[in-house]
Amino acid sequence: MRDAIARALVRVLRILLPARGRHAATPNTTPEPATEPTTPPATRRQWTGPSSTQVRAIFRAEEAQRLTPEQRERWWAAAFAEIGVDYDFPTLNITPVRREVAA
């Protein structure tokens, strides 16, 4: 009984609500009016941060490698401040994801 009611409802809806979209039985053949866009297309914003070579030079500096982790973090923050970038990615408080399992 449910199937018969569902089929009847689907048939009625197909008659009352014709299909639209790309799966429609008869495609829409009326051309859309050509209108010019009112706003210019979005342009890509130029990168304003430091280059990768600058960042690599800061993180791989030999004088920073000899420091303790806390001092190294402060050194990196100072080096980034010199080139006008906020260094807000402290790595000292990161907990290890994997823990050593004693066998």
Protein backbone atom coordinates (compact mmCIF):
# COMPACT_ATOMS: atom_id res chain seq x y z
CA MET A 1 0.00 0.00 0.00
CA ARG A 2 2.81 2.40 0.85
CA ASP A 3 4.49 1.80 -2.50
CA ALA A 4 1.31 2.57 -4.42
CA ILE A 5 0.81 5.82 -2.48
CA ALA A 6 4.44 6.83 -2.99
CA ARG A 7 4.29 6.12 -6.74
CA ALA A 8 1.06 8.12 -7.08
CA LEU A 9 2.59 11.03 -5.16
CA VAL A 10 5.69 10.99 -7.36
CA ARG A 11 3.58 11.02 -10.53
CA VAL A 12 1.50 13.96 -9.29
CA LEU A 13 4.60 15.91 -8.30
CA ARG A 14 6.23 15.27 -11.69
CA ILE A 15 3.17 16.71 -13.41
CA LEU A 16 2.87 19.72 -11.10
CA LEU A 17 6.59 20.49 -10.69
CA PRO A 18 8.51 20.12 -13.95
CA ALA A 19 12.17 19.22 -13.70
CA ARG A 20 14.73 22.02 -13.72
CA GLY A 21 18.50 22.07 -13.89
CA ARG A 22 20.88 20.03 -15.96
CA HIS A 23 18.80 16.86 -15.60
CA ALA A 24 15.65 18.40 -17.03
CA ALA A 25 13.92 16.47 -19.80
CA THR A 26 13.69 19.54 -22.04
CA PRO A 27 16.67 21.90 -21.84
CA ASN A 28 16.13 25.62 -21.47
CA THR A 29 16.82 27.07 -24.95
CA THR A 30 16.29 30.75 -24.17
CA PRO A 31 19.63 32.55 -24.06
CA GLU A 32 20.51 34.43 -20.93
CA PRO A 33 20.84 38.19 -21.42
CA ALA A 34 24.44 39.34 -21.56
CA THR A 35 25.17 41.74 -18.74
CA GLU A 36 28.48 43.31 -17.85
CA PRO A 37 29.72 42.71 -14.33
CA THR A 38 29.21 45.68 -12.06
CA THR A 39 32.34 44.98 -10.01
CA PRO A 40 35.78 44.27 -11.39
CA PRO A 41 37.02 40.71 -10.99
CA ALA A 42 38.87 40.01 -7.79
CA THR A 43 42.61 40.30 -8.17
CA ARG A 44 45.06 38.24 -6.22
CA ARG A 45 46.63 40.04 -3.32
CA GLN A 46 50.41 40.11 -3.37
CA TRP A 47 52.30 38.17 -0.70
CA THR A 48 53.45 40.59 1.98
CA GLY A 49 55.27 38.16 4.27
CA PRO A 50 58.92 37.17 4.26
CA SER A 51 60.32 34.95 1.54
CA SER A 52 61.12 31.32 2.18
CA THR A 53 64.85 32.01 1.95
CA GLN A 54 64.59 34.63 4.70
CA VAL A 55 62.68 32.27 6.97
CA ARG A 56 65.06 29.38 6.32
CA ALA A 57 68.02 31.63 7.10
CA ILE A 58 66.47 32.55 10.45
CA PHE A 59 65.63 28.99 11.49
CA ARG A 60 68.93 27.50 10.29
CA ALA A 61 71.26 30.18 11.63
CA GLU A 62 74.31 28.63 13.27
CA GLU A 63 74.39 31.09 16.16
CA ALA A 64 70.84 30.04 17.13
CA GLN A 65 71.65 26.32 17.07
CA ARG A 66 74.08 26.65 19.99
CA LEU A 67 71.42 28.20 22.28
CA THR A 68 69.07 26.48 24.68
CA PRO A 69 65.52 25.91 23.37
CA GLU A 70 64.15 28.90 25.33
CA GLN A 71 66.93 31.19 24.11
CA ARG A 72 66.54 29.89 20.55
CA GLU A 73 62.83 30.70 20.61
CA ARG A 74 63.57 34.25 21.77
CA TRP A 75 66.28 34.60 19.13
CA TRP A 76 63.85 33.56 16.40
CA ALA A 77 61.24 36.05 17.68
CA ALA A 78 63.84 38.84 17.66
CA ALA A 79 65.03 37.92 14.16
CA PHE A 80 61.47 37.98 12.83
CA ALA A 81 60.83 41.30 14.59
CA GLU A 82 63.84 42.78 12.74
CA ILE A 83 62.18 42.07 9.40
CA GLY A 84 58.78 43.28 10.64
CA VAL A 85 56.98 39.97 11.18
CA ASP A 86 55.22 38.88 14.36
CA TYR A 87 56.52 35.50 15.47
CA ASP A 88 53.53 33.95 17.21
CA PHE A 89 54.28 30.28 16.75
CA PRO A 90 56.02 29.20 19.94
CA THR A 91 57.21 25.62 19.71
CA LEU A 92 58.20 25.08 23.34
CA ASN A 93 54.74 24.13 24.57
CA ILE A 94 54.04 21.49 21.94
CA THR A 95 53.46 18.11 23.50
CA PRO A 96 54.84 15.12 21.65
CA VAL A 97 52.28 13.20 19.62
CA ARG A 98 54.03 9.87 19.86
CA ARG A 99 55.33 8.56 23.13
CA GLU A 100 58.08 6.02 23.44
CA VAL A 101 56.72 2.63 24.40
CA ALA A 102 59.00 0.66 26.65
CA ALA A 103 59.37 -2.85 25.32
